[in-house]
Amino acid sequence: MKFNFRLSLWALLFCMSAPLFAQEESRTLMGEGTTLKTEHLGAFVAPSYGWTTIDGSSTSLFYLRAGVSFHDQFSIGGYFNTSLNEIFPESETIENVYMDYWTVGGFAEYTLLSKKLLHLTFPVFVGYGEVQMDNEAGSAGLGEANFIQVEPIALLELNLHKYVRLNLGAGYRFVGEMQYRNFDQSQLSGFTAHAGIKIGLFQ
């Protein structure tokens, strides 16, 4: 009799819990019943040119970034940025040496009214970088310095084609505390002018 009572109790608990196991299918990022589906995802690559001054030296920069976009509004991805020309810091005292500069990291971007012919987009780059003195033979043996950099940018973007956009704007480099040779982060921080192209599937 005691055994039958326990068996009945377990049967009752099972029947009560059955509806819990019969709930609707779990919501997933890419599955049915969600607001974020694959047709809302896009992807792009965006090479661009930048111009700035570093410690009084005119500097050309190359940016290359790639990422994914959500609803053609929010984007995330990675980037690489490097100097194109030889940088001659005004504070450098040794002749026949020049400086190289690069950063690598990630970015987040918000685009406003992307379907309009002209619209605004705001990428923010967060990365790790390095400066180093070189000469014609390669490394000048003067070591290097590393730093953290944050660069918010504002771009005016033109929808040239369904898959191509042109952009033009400016940003500002905020460099974390660093010291290299005769200059520090104050000579490395500064404004940058940007011009580039964005190629991709914009959903």
N, C-alpha and C. Protein backbone atom coordinates (compact mmCIF):
# COMPACT_ATOMS: atom_id res chain seq x y z
N MET A 1 0.83 -1.20 0.00
CA MET A 1 0.00 0.00 0.00
C MET A 1 0.87 1.25 0.00
N LYS A 2 1.96 1.18 0.80
CA LYS A 2 2.88 2.31 0.86
C LYS A 2 3.53 2.53 -0.51
N PHE A 3 3.88 1.42 -1.19
CA PHE A 3 4.50 1.52 -2.52
C PHE A 3 3.56 2.16 -3.52
N ASN A 4 2.30 1.77 -3.51
CA ASN A 4 1.32 2.32 -4.43
C ASN A 4 1.10 3.81 -4.20
N PHE A 5 1.17 4.24 -2.97
CA PHE A 5 1.01 5.66 -2.67
C PHE A 5 2.15 6.48 -3.28
N ARG A 6 3.37 5.98 -3.14
CA ARG A 6 4.53 6.68 -3.72
C ARG A 6 4.44 6.70 -5.25
N LEU A 7 4.01 5.58 -5.82
CA LEU A 7 3.88 5.51 -7.27
C LEU A 7 2.84 6.50 -7.77
N SER A 8 1.75 6.63 -7.08
CA SER A 8 0.71 7.59 -7.45
C SER A 8 1.21 9.01 -7.33
N LEU A 9 2.01 9.27 -6.29
CA LEU A 9 2.56 10.63 -6.09
C LEU A 9 3.50 11.01 -7.25
N TRP A 10 4.35 10.06 -7.65
CA TRP A 10 5.26 10.34 -8.77
C TRP A 10 4.49 10.55 -10.07
N ALA A 11 3.44 9.78 -10.27
CA ALA A 11 2.62 9.93 -11.48
C ALA A 11 1.94 11.30 -11.52
N LEU A 12 1.47 11.75 -10.36
CA LEU A 12 0.84 13.06 -10.27
C LEU A 12 1.83 14.18 -10.58
N LEU A 13 3.05 14.08 -10.01
CA LEU A 13 4.08 15.09 -10.27
C LEU A 13 4.47 15.12 -11.74
N PHE A 14 4.54 13.96 -12.36
CA PHE A 14 4.89 13.89 -13.79
C PHE A 14 3.84 14.58 -14.64
N CYS A 15 2.57 14.32 -14.32
CA CYS A 15 1.49 14.93 -15.09
C CYS A 15 1.47 16.45 -14.93
N MET A 16 1.80 16.90 -13.74
CA MET A 16 1.83 18.36 -13.49
C MET A 16 2.98 19.03 -14.23
N SER A 17 4.10 18.30 -14.37
CA SER A 17 5.27 18.91 -15.02
C SER A 17 5.28 18.75 -16.53
N ALA A 18 4.41 17.92 -17.06
CA ALA A 18 4.39 17.67 -18.50
C ALA A 18 4.24 18.94 -19.33
N PRO A 19 3.36 19.89 -18.93
CA PRO A 19 3.24 21.12 -19.73
C PRO A 19 4.54 21.91 -19.83
N LEU A 20 5.41 21.75 -18.80
CA LEU A 20 6.68 22.48 -18.84
C LEU A 20 7.57 22.00 -19.97
N PHE A 21 7.43 20.70 -20.29
CA PHE A 21 8.26 20.13 -21.35
C PHE A 21 7.61 20.29 -22.72
N ALA A 22 6.40 20.81 -22.75
CA ALA A 22 5.68 20.97 -24.01
C ALA A 22 5.61 22.43 -24.43
N GLN A 23 6.50 23.27 -23.84
CA GLN A 23 6.49 24.68 -24.21
C GLN A 23 6.98 24.86 -25.63
N GLU A 24 6.79 26.07 -26.16
CA GLU A 24 7.20 26.36 -27.52
C GLU A 24 8.71 26.22 -27.67
N GLU A 25 9.16 26.05 -28.90
CA GLU A 25 10.58 25.85 -29.20
C GLU A 25 11.40 27.02 -28.71
N SER A 26 12.61 26.71 -28.23
CA SER A 26 13.49 27.75 -27.71
C SER A 26 13.80 28.78 -28.78
N ARG A 27 13.90 30.05 -28.34
CA ARG A 27 14.27 31.12 -29.26
C ARG A 27 15.79 31.15 -29.42
N THR A 28 16.25 31.20 -30.64
CA THR A 28 17.67 31.24 -30.92
C THR A 28 18.00 32.46 -31.76
N LEU A 29 19.29 32.78 -31.83
CA LEU A 29 19.72 33.98 -32.53
C LEU A 29 19.30 33.97 -33.99
N MET A 30 19.42 32.83 -34.66
CA MET A 30 19.14 32.75 -36.09
C MET A 30 17.87 31.97 -36.43
N GLY A 31 17.15 31.50 -35.42
CA GLY A 31 16.01 30.64 -35.69
C GLY A 31 14.72 31.39 -35.86
N GLU A 32 13.64 30.61 -35.93
CA GLU A 32 12.31 31.18 -36.10
C GLU A 32 11.89 31.91 -34.82
N GLY A 33 11.05 32.91 -35.01
CA GLY A 33 10.49 33.59 -33.85
C GLY A 33 11.40 34.62 -33.23
N THR A 34 12.47 34.99 -33.90
CA THR A 34 13.35 36.01 -33.38
C THR A 34 13.29 37.24 -34.27
N THR A 35 13.75 38.36 -33.72
CA THR A 35 13.77 39.59 -34.49
C THR A 35 15.06 39.72 -35.28
N LEU A 36 16.07 38.90 -34.93
CA LEU A 36 17.35 38.95 -35.63
C LEU A 36 17.51 37.69 -36.45
N LYS A 37 17.29 37.77 -37.76
CA LYS A 37 17.40 36.63 -38.64
C LYS A 37 18.53 36.87 -39.64
N THR A 38 18.84 35.83 -40.39
CA THR A 38 19.97 35.95 -41.30
C THR A 38 19.76 37.02 -42.36
N GLU A 39 18.50 37.29 -42.73
CA GLU A 39 18.27 38.33 -43.74
C GLU A 39 18.54 39.73 -43.20
N HIS A 40 18.73 39.85 -41.88
CA HIS A 40 19.06 41.15 -41.30
C HIS A 40 20.57 41.36 -41.15
N LEU A 41 21.35 40.35 -41.53
CA LEU A 41 22.80 40.42 -41.38
C LEU A 41 23.46 40.82 -42.69
N GLY A 42 24.45 41.68 -42.60
CA GLY A 42 25.24 42.06 -43.76
C GLY A 42 26.71 41.90 -43.44
N ALA A 43 27.56 42.07 -44.44
CA ALA A 43 29.00 41.98 -44.26
C ALA A 43 29.67 42.95 -45.21
N PHE A 44 30.82 43.47 -44.80
CA PHE A 44 31.49 44.46 -45.65
C PHE A 44 32.99 44.48 -45.37
N VAL A 45 33.72 45.04 -46.33
CA VAL A 45 35.14 45.35 -46.18
C VAL A 45 35.31 46.82 -46.55
N ALA A 46 36.16 47.54 -45.82
CA ALA A 46 36.24 48.99 -46.01
C ALA A 46 37.68 49.48 -45.93
N PRO A 47 38.38 49.58 -47.07
CA PRO A 47 39.70 50.22 -47.09
C PRO A 47 39.54 51.73 -47.10
N SER A 48 40.49 52.44 -46.46
CA SER A 48 40.41 53.90 -46.45
C SER A 48 41.79 54.51 -46.27
N TYR A 49 41.87 55.78 -46.61
CA TYR A 49 43.10 56.56 -46.50
C TYR A 49 42.91 57.60 -45.40
N GLY A 50 43.96 57.78 -44.60
CA GLY A 50 43.92 58.80 -43.57
C GLY A 50 45.14 59.70 -43.65
N TRP A 51 44.95 60.94 -43.23
CA TRP A 51 46.09 61.87 -43.18
C TRP A 51 46.11 62.54 -41.81
N THR A 52 47.32 62.62 -41.22
CA THR A 52 47.47 63.23 -39.90
C THR A 52 48.88 63.76 -39.74
N THR A 53 49.17 64.31 -38.59
CA THR A 53 50.54 64.67 -38.24
C THR A 53 50.91 63.94 -36.95
N ILE A 54 52.12 63.41 -36.90
CA ILE A 54 52.65 62.75 -35.71
C ILE A 54 53.95 63.43 -35.34
N ASP A 55 53.98 64.07 -34.19
CA ASP A 55 55.15 64.81 -33.72
C ASP A 55 55.68 65.75 -34.80
N GLY A 56 54.76 66.48 -35.44
CA GLY A 56 55.14 67.48 -36.44
C GLY A 56 55.42 66.94 -37.82
N SER A 57 55.31 65.62 -38.01
CA SER A 57 55.60 65.03 -39.31
C SER A 57 54.31 64.64 -40.02
N SER A 58 54.16 65.08 -41.27
CA SER A 58 52.99 64.73 -42.07
C SER A 58 52.98 63.22 -42.32
N THR A 59 51.83 62.58 -42.05
CA THR A 59 51.76 61.12 -42.08
C THR A 59 50.55 60.65 -42.87
N SER A 60 50.78 59.76 -43.83
CA SER A 60 49.70 59.09 -44.56
C SER A 60 49.44 57.74 -43.92
N LEU A 61 48.15 57.40 -43.78
CA LEU A 61 47.77 56.16 -43.10
C LEU A 61 46.88 55.31 -44.01
N PHE A 62 47.01 54.01 -43.89
CA PHE A 62 46.13 53.08 -44.58
C PHE A 62 45.33 52.31 -43.54
N TYR A 63 43.99 52.30 -43.69
CA TYR A 63 43.10 51.55 -42.81
C TYR A 63 42.45 50.44 -43.63
N LEU A 64 42.32 49.28 -43.02
CA LEU A 64 41.54 48.20 -43.63
C LEU A 64 40.72 47.57 -42.53
N ARG A 65 39.40 47.58 -42.71
CA ARG A 65 38.53 46.97 -41.71
C ARG A 65 37.49 46.10 -42.40
N ALA A 66 37.00 45.13 -41.67
CA ALA A 66 35.96 44.24 -42.17
C ALA A 66 35.05 43.89 -41.01
N GLY A 67 33.76 43.73 -41.31
CA GLY A 67 32.84 43.43 -40.23
C GLY A 67 31.50 42.93 -40.70
N VAL A 68 30.63 42.73 -39.75
CA VAL A 68 29.24 42.34 -40.02
C VAL A 68 28.33 43.43 -39.49
N SER A 69 27.18 43.59 -40.15
CA SER A 69 26.23 44.62 -39.76
C SER A 69 24.88 43.99 -39.43
N PHE A 70 24.12 44.66 -38.57
CA PHE A 70 22.81 44.21 -38.14
C PHE A 70 21.78 45.27 -38.51
N HIS A 71 20.84 44.90 -39.37
CA HIS A 71 19.82 45.84 -39.84
C HIS A 71 20.43 47.06 -40.54
N ASP A 72 21.65 46.92 -41.05
CA ASP A 72 22.36 48.02 -41.71
C ASP A 72 22.43 49.25 -40.79
N GLN A 73 22.59 48.98 -39.51
CA GLN A 73 22.61 50.07 -38.53
C GLN A 73 23.75 49.91 -37.54
N PHE A 74 23.87 48.73 -36.95
CA PHE A 74 24.95 48.45 -36.00
C PHE A 74 25.95 47.50 -36.64
N SER A 75 27.24 47.81 -36.49
CA SER A 75 28.29 46.98 -37.08
C SER A 75 29.40 46.73 -36.07
N ILE A 76 30.03 45.56 -36.18
CA ILE A 76 31.21 45.24 -35.40
C ILE A 76 32.19 44.51 -36.30
N GLY A 77 33.48 44.56 -35.95
CA GLY A 77 34.48 43.88 -36.76
C GLY A 77 35.88 44.17 -36.28
N GLY A 78 36.84 43.91 -37.15
CA GLY A 78 38.25 44.12 -36.83
C GLY A 78 38.91 45.04 -37.85
N TYR A 79 40.05 45.61 -37.48
CA TYR A 79 40.74 46.54 -38.37
C TYR A 79 42.24 46.43 -38.22
N PHE A 80 42.95 46.93 -39.24
CA PHE A 80 44.40 47.10 -39.21
C PHE A 80 44.70 48.47 -39.81
N ASN A 81 45.68 49.16 -39.23
CA ASN A 81 46.03 50.52 -39.64
C ASN A 81 47.54 50.66 -39.60
N THR A 82 48.14 51.24 -40.65
CA THR A 82 49.58 51.40 -40.66
C THR A 82 49.99 52.67 -41.40
N SER A 83 51.15 53.20 -41.08
CA SER A 83 51.67 54.37 -41.79
C SER A 83 52.17 53.94 -43.16
N LEU A 84 51.97 54.82 -44.16
CA LEU A 84 52.39 54.53 -45.53
C LEU A 84 53.73 55.17 -45.87
N ASN A 85 54.04 56.25 -45.20
CA ASN A 85 55.29 56.96 -45.51
C ASN A 85 56.23 56.91 -44.30
N GLU A 86 57.45 57.34 -44.51
CA GLU A 86 58.41 57.42 -43.42
C GLU A 86 58.10 58.64 -42.55
N ILE A 87 58.01 58.44 -41.25
CA ILE A 87 57.66 59.51 -40.31
C ILE A 87 58.95 60.03 -39.67
N PHE A 88 59.14 61.34 -39.74
CA PHE A 88 60.35 61.96 -39.17
C PHE A 88 59.94 62.87 -38.01
N PRO A 89 59.88 62.34 -36.79
CA PRO A 89 59.47 63.15 -35.65
C PRO A 89 60.39 64.34 -35.43
N GLU A 90 59.80 65.50 -35.14
CA GLU A 90 60.60 66.70 -34.90
C GLU A 90 61.50 66.56 -33.68
N SER A 91 61.10 65.73 -32.73
CA SER A 91 61.86 65.59 -31.49
C SER A 91 63.04 64.62 -31.62
N GLU A 92 63.13 63.90 -32.74
CA GLU A 92 64.21 62.93 -32.90
C GLU A 92 65.54 63.63 -33.16
N THR A 93 66.60 63.19 -32.46
CA THR A 93 67.91 63.84 -32.55
C THR A 93 68.91 63.06 -33.42
N ILE A 94 68.61 61.82 -33.75
CA ILE A 94 69.50 61.02 -34.59
C ILE A 94 69.11 61.18 -36.05
N GLU A 95 70.07 61.37 -36.91
CA GLU A 95 69.80 61.53 -38.34
C GLU A 95 69.66 60.17 -39.02
N ASN A 96 69.03 60.19 -40.18
CA ASN A 96 68.88 59.01 -41.04
C ASN A 96 68.08 57.88 -40.39
N VAL A 97 67.15 58.25 -39.54
CA VAL A 97 66.20 57.26 -39.00
C VAL A 97 64.79 57.81 -39.20
N TYR A 98 63.86 56.92 -39.28
CA TYR A 98 62.45 57.31 -39.41
C TYR A 98 61.59 56.36 -38.57
N MET A 99 60.36 56.75 -38.35
CA MET A 99 59.49 55.98 -37.47
C MET A 99 58.39 55.28 -38.26
N ASP A 100 58.09 54.04 -37.87
CA ASP A 100 56.94 53.31 -38.38
C ASP A 100 55.87 53.25 -37.29
N TYR A 101 54.61 53.23 -37.72
CA TYR A 101 53.48 53.23 -36.80
C TYR A 101 52.42 52.26 -37.30
N TRP A 102 51.83 51.47 -36.40
CA TRP A 102 50.70 50.62 -36.77
C TRP A 102 49.83 50.35 -35.55
N THR A 103 48.57 50.04 -35.82
CA THR A 103 47.65 49.59 -34.78
C THR A 103 46.77 48.49 -35.34
N VAL A 104 46.24 47.66 -34.46
CA VAL A 104 45.32 46.59 -34.84
C VAL A 104 44.32 46.42 -33.71
N GLY A 105 43.07 46.09 -34.05
CA GLY A 105 42.07 45.94 -33.00
C GLY A 105 40.69 45.71 -33.56
N GLY A 106 39.70 46.16 -32.83
CA GLY A 106 38.31 45.99 -33.22
C GLY A 106 37.58 47.32 -33.31
N PHE A 107 36.38 47.29 -33.87
CA PHE A 107 35.60 48.51 -33.97
C PHE A 107 34.11 48.20 -33.81
N ALA A 108 33.39 49.21 -33.39
CA ALA A 108 31.93 49.18 -33.37
C ALA A 108 31.46 50.42 -34.11
N GLU A 109 30.34 50.31 -34.82
CA GLU A 109 29.89 51.41 -35.68
C GLU A 109 28.37 51.54 -35.64
N TYR A 110 27.93 52.77 -35.58
CA TYR A 110 26.50 53.06 -35.65
C TYR A 110 26.24 53.91 -36.89
N THR A 111 25.28 53.49 -37.74
CA THR A 111 24.95 54.21 -38.96
C THR A 111 23.54 54.77 -38.86
N LEU A 112 23.42 56.05 -39.16
CA LEU A 112 22.15 56.75 -39.05
C LEU A 112 21.53 56.94 -40.44
N LEU A 113 20.30 56.45 -40.62
CA LEU A 113 19.55 56.61 -41.88
C LEU A 113 20.32 56.06 -43.08
N SER A 114 20.73 54.81 -42.98
CA SER A 114 21.60 54.21 -44.01
C SER A 114 20.95 54.12 -45.38
N LYS A 115 19.61 54.12 -45.47
CA LYS A 115 18.94 53.99 -46.77
C LYS A 115 18.90 55.32 -47.53
N LYS A 116 19.19 56.40 -46.87
CA LYS A 116 19.23 57.70 -47.54
C LYS A 116 20.48 57.79 -48.42
N LEU A 117 20.39 58.58 -49.49
CA LEU A 117 21.53 58.73 -50.39
C LEU A 117 22.77 59.20 -49.63
N LEU A 118 22.60 60.21 -48.80
CA LEU A 118 23.66 60.69 -47.92
C LEU A 118 23.26 60.42 -46.49
N HIS A 119 24.17 59.87 -45.71
CA HIS A 119 23.87 59.58 -44.32
C HIS A 119 25.15 59.65 -43.49
N LEU A 120 25.01 59.52 -42.20
CA LEU A 120 26.15 59.60 -41.28
C LEU A 120 26.43 58.24 -40.67
N THR A 121 27.71 57.98 -40.43
CA THR A 121 28.10 56.76 -39.74
C THR A 121 29.24 57.08 -38.78
N PHE A 122 29.26 56.35 -37.65
CA PHE A 122 30.18 56.70 -36.56
C PHE A 122 30.93 55.46 -36.06
N PRO A 123 32.04 55.09 -36.70
CA PRO A 123 32.85 53.98 -36.19
C PRO A 123 33.74 54.44 -35.03
N VAL A 124 33.97 53.54 -34.10
CA VAL A 124 34.92 53.78 -33.00
C VAL A 124 35.92 52.64 -32.99
N PHE A 125 37.20 52.95 -33.19
CA PHE A 125 38.26 51.97 -33.22
C PHE A 125 38.91 51.86 -31.84
N VAL A 126 39.14 50.65 -31.39
CA VAL A 126 39.86 50.40 -30.13
C VAL A 126 40.94 49.39 -30.44
N GLY A 127 42.21 49.78 -30.26
CA GLY A 127 43.27 48.87 -30.67
C GLY A 127 44.55 49.00 -29.88
N TYR A 128 45.47 48.13 -30.25
CA TYR A 128 46.81 48.05 -29.66
C TYR A 128 47.79 48.45 -30.76
N GLY A 129 48.76 49.29 -30.43
CA GLY A 129 49.67 49.78 -31.47
C GLY A 129 51.13 49.78 -31.07
N GLU A 130 51.96 50.13 -32.06
CA GLU A 130 53.41 50.15 -31.84
C GLU A 130 54.05 51.22 -32.70
N VAL A 131 55.07 51.88 -32.17
CA VAL A 131 55.94 52.76 -32.94
C VAL A 131 57.37 52.25 -32.79
N GLN A 132 58.16 52.40 -33.86
CA GLN A 132 59.54 51.91 -33.85
C GLN A 132 60.37 52.70 -34.83
N MET A 133 61.59 53.01 -34.44
CA MET A 133 62.53 53.70 -35.32
C MET A 133 63.25 52.70 -36.22
N ASP A 134 63.29 53.00 -37.52
CA ASP A 134 63.99 52.17 -38.49
C ASP A 134 64.95 53.04 -39.30
N ASN A 135 65.79 52.36 -40.09
CA ASN A 135 66.64 53.06 -41.06
C ASN A 135 66.66 52.23 -42.33
N GLU A 136 67.50 52.60 -43.26
CA GLU A 136 67.53 51.91 -44.56
C GLU A 136 67.90 50.43 -44.43
N ALA A 137 68.60 50.08 -43.37
CA ALA A 137 69.02 48.70 -43.18
C ALA A 137 67.96 47.87 -42.45
N GLY A 138 66.89 48.52 -41.99
CA GLY A 138 65.85 47.83 -41.22
C GLY A 138 65.70 48.49 -39.86
N SER A 139 65.66 47.69 -38.82
CA SER A 139 65.53 48.25 -37.48
C SER A 139 66.76 49.06 -37.10
N ALA A 140 66.52 50.23 -36.50
CA ALA A 140 67.64 51.09 -36.10
C ALA A 140 68.21 50.70 -34.74
N GLY A 141 67.66 49.67 -34.12
CA GLY A 141 68.17 49.22 -32.82
C GLY A 141 67.81 50.16 -31.69
N LEU A 142 66.75 50.93 -31.85
CA LEU A 142 66.35 51.91 -30.83
C LEU A 142 65.11 51.46 -30.06
N GLY A 143 64.76 50.17 -30.20
CA GLY A 143 63.62 49.64 -29.47
C GLY A 143 62.30 50.10 -30.06
N GLU A 144 61.24 49.84 -29.33
CA GLU A 144 59.91 50.26 -29.76
C GLU A 144 59.07 50.54 -28.52
N ALA A 145 57.90 51.10 -28.75
CA ALA A 145 56.96 51.39 -27.66
C ALA A 145 55.57 50.93 -28.09
N ASN A 146 54.82 50.39 -27.15
CA ASN A 146 53.46 49.93 -27.40
C ASN A 146 52.46 50.77 -26.63
N PHE A 147 51.24 50.78 -27.11
CA PHE A 147 50.23 51.64 -26.51
C PHE A 147 48.83 51.14 -26.85
N ILE A 148 47.85 51.65 -26.11
CA ILE A 148 46.44 51.42 -26.40
C ILE A 148 45.89 52.69 -27.05
N GLN A 149 45.08 52.53 -28.07
CA GLN A 149 44.54 53.68 -28.80
C GLN A 149 43.04 53.55 -29.00
N VAL A 150 42.33 54.65 -28.84
CA VAL A 150 40.90 54.73 -29.12
C VAL A 150 40.70 55.87 -30.11
N GLU A 151 39.98 55.60 -31.21
CA GLU A 151 39.77 56.62 -32.23
C GLU A 151 38.30 56.66 -32.68
N PRO A 152 37.51 57.59 -32.15
CA PRO A 152 36.15 57.79 -32.67
C PRO A 152 36.21 58.60 -33.96
N ILE A 153 35.36 58.24 -34.93
CA ILE A 153 35.37 58.88 -36.25
C ILE A 153 33.93 59.21 -36.65
N ALA A 154 33.75 60.33 -37.31
CA ALA A 154 32.46 60.71 -37.89
C ALA A 154 32.63 60.80 -39.40
N LEU A 155 31.78 60.07 -40.14
CA LEU A 155 31.90 60.01 -41.60
C LEU A 155 30.58 60.36 -42.27
N LEU A 156 30.66 61.16 -43.32
CA LEU A 156 29.53 61.38 -44.21
C LEU A 156 29.64 60.35 -45.32
N GLU A 157 28.58 59.55 -45.50
CA GLU A 157 28.65 58.42 -46.42
C GLU A 157 27.65 58.58 -47.56
N LEU A 158 28.09 58.20 -48.75
CA LEU A 158 27.27 58.30 -49.96
C LEU A 158 27.01 56.90 -50.50
N ASN A 159 25.72 56.57 -50.73
CA ASN A 159 25.37 55.29 -51.35
C ASN A 159 25.61 55.39 -52.86
N LEU A 160 26.80 55.01 -53.28
CA LEU A 160 27.16 55.09 -54.69
C LEU A 160 26.45 54.00 -55.50
N HIS A 161 26.31 52.83 -54.91
CA HIS A 161 25.72 51.66 -55.56
C HIS A 161 25.12 50.79 -54.47
N LYS A 162 24.33 49.82 -54.85
CA LYS A 162 23.72 48.93 -53.86
C LYS A 162 24.77 48.27 -52.98
N TYR A 163 25.94 48.00 -53.55
CA TYR A 163 26.99 47.31 -52.82
C TYR A 163 28.21 48.18 -52.52
N VAL A 164 28.16 49.46 -52.85
CA VAL A 164 29.33 50.32 -52.69
C VAL A 164 28.95 51.65 -52.07
N ARG A 165 29.72 52.07 -51.08
CA ARG A 165 29.52 53.37 -50.44
C ARG A 165 30.85 54.10 -50.33
N LEU A 166 30.80 55.40 -50.53
CA LEU A 166 31.96 56.26 -50.35
C LEU A 166 31.79 57.05 -49.06
N ASN A 167 32.90 57.34 -48.38
CA ASN A 167 32.79 58.12 -47.15
C ASN A 167 33.94 59.11 -46.99
N LEU A 168 33.66 60.15 -46.23
CA LEU A 168 34.62 61.23 -46.00
C LEU A 168 34.34 61.80 -44.61
N GLY A 169 35.39 62.03 -43.83
CA GLY A 169 35.17 62.58 -42.50
C GLY A 169 36.45 62.78 -41.73
N ALA A 170 36.33 62.77 -40.41
CA ALA A 170 37.48 63.03 -39.55
C ALA A 170 37.32 62.29 -38.23
N GLY A 171 38.44 62.04 -37.57
CA GLY A 171 38.44 61.39 -36.28
C GLY A 171 39.53 61.95 -35.40
N TYR A 172 39.60 61.44 -34.18
CA TYR A 172 40.64 61.88 -33.25
C TYR A 172 41.22 60.67 -32.54
N ARG A 173 42.56 60.55 -32.55
CA ARG A 173 43.26 59.47 -31.87
C ARG A 173 43.53 59.84 -30.41
N PHE A 174 43.02 59.03 -29.50
CA PHE A 174 43.35 59.16 -28.09
C PHE A 174 44.31 58.02 -27.75
N VAL A 175 45.56 58.36 -27.41
CA VAL A 175 46.58 57.35 -27.15
C VAL A 175 46.82 57.27 -25.65
N GLY A 176 46.84 56.04 -25.13
CA GLY A 176 47.12 55.82 -23.72
C GLY A 176 48.56 56.19 -23.37
N GLU A 177 48.84 56.25 -22.11
CA GLU A 177 50.16 56.69 -21.64
C GLU A 177 51.27 55.85 -22.26
N MET A 178 52.25 56.52 -22.86
CA MET A 178 53.40 55.87 -23.46
C MET A 178 54.57 56.84 -23.52
N GLN A 179 55.77 56.32 -23.68
CA GLN A 179 56.98 57.14 -23.81
C GLN A 179 57.92 56.44 -24.77
N TYR A 180 58.36 57.17 -25.79
CA TYR A 180 59.30 56.60 -26.75
C TYR A 180 60.27 57.67 -27.21
N ARG A 181 61.55 57.39 -27.07
CA ARG A 181 62.57 58.37 -27.44
C ARG A 181 62.30 59.72 -26.76
N ASN A 182 62.07 60.78 -27.55
CA ASN A 182 61.86 62.11 -26.97
C ASN A 182 60.41 62.57 -27.02
N PHE A 183 59.47 61.67 -27.26
CA PHE A 183 58.08 62.09 -27.29
C PHE A 183 57.20 61.11 -26.52
N ASP A 184 55.99 61.56 -26.22
CA ASP A 184 55.05 60.73 -25.48
C ASP A 184 53.69 60.73 -26.20
N GLN A 185 52.65 60.30 -25.48
CA GLN A 185 51.33 60.16 -26.11
C GLN A 185 50.75 61.46 -26.64
N SER A 186 51.18 62.60 -26.11
CA SER A 186 50.64 63.87 -26.58
C SER A 186 51.05 64.17 -28.02
N GLN A 187 52.24 63.69 -28.43
CA GLN A 187 52.67 63.88 -29.83
C GLN A 187 52.05 62.84 -30.76
N LEU A 188 51.58 61.73 -30.20
CA LEU A 188 51.00 60.68 -31.03
C LEU A 188 49.49 60.85 -31.18
N SER A 189 48.85 61.47 -30.21
CA SER A 189 47.41 61.75 -30.30
C SER A 189 47.17 62.88 -31.29
N GLY A 190 45.97 62.92 -31.88
CA GLY A 190 45.67 64.01 -32.79
C GLY A 190 44.55 63.70 -33.76
N PHE A 191 44.19 64.71 -34.55
CA PHE A 191 43.12 64.57 -35.55
C PHE A 191 43.62 63.83 -36.78
N THR A 192 42.70 63.11 -37.43
CA THR A 192 42.98 62.42 -38.68
C THR A 192 41.84 62.68 -39.67
N ALA A 193 42.17 63.04 -40.90
CA ALA A 193 41.18 63.16 -41.97
C ALA A 193 41.05 61.81 -42.65
N HIS A 194 39.83 61.43 -43.01
CA HIS A 194 39.57 60.10 -43.57
C HIS A 194 38.82 60.20 -44.90
N ALA A 195 39.17 59.31 -45.82
CA ALA A 195 38.41 59.14 -47.08
C ALA A 195 38.50 57.67 -47.44
N GLY A 196 37.35 57.05 -47.75
CA GLY A 196 37.40 55.63 -48.03
C GLY A 196 36.22 55.10 -48.79
N ILE A 197 36.18 53.81 -48.93
CA ILE A 197 35.12 53.11 -49.66
C ILE A 197 34.69 51.91 -48.83
N LYS A 198 33.41 51.58 -48.89
CA LYS A 198 32.87 50.43 -48.16
C LYS A 198 32.15 49.54 -49.18
N ILE A 199 32.57 48.29 -49.26
CA ILE A 199 32.00 47.35 -50.22
C ILE A 199 31.40 46.17 -49.47
N GLY A 200 30.14 45.84 -49.78
CA GLY A 200 29.55 44.72 -49.06
C GLY A 200 28.09 44.50 -49.37
N LEU A 201 27.50 43.61 -48.59
CA LEU A 201 26.07 43.33 -48.64
C LEU A 201 25.43 44.05 -47.46
N PHE A 202 24.63 45.05 -47.75
CA PHE A 202 24.04 45.88 -46.71
C PHE A 202 22.57 45.51 -46.57
N GLN A 203 22.22 44.83 -45.46
CA GLN A 203 20.87 44.33 -45.26
C GLN A 203 20.10 45.23 -44.27
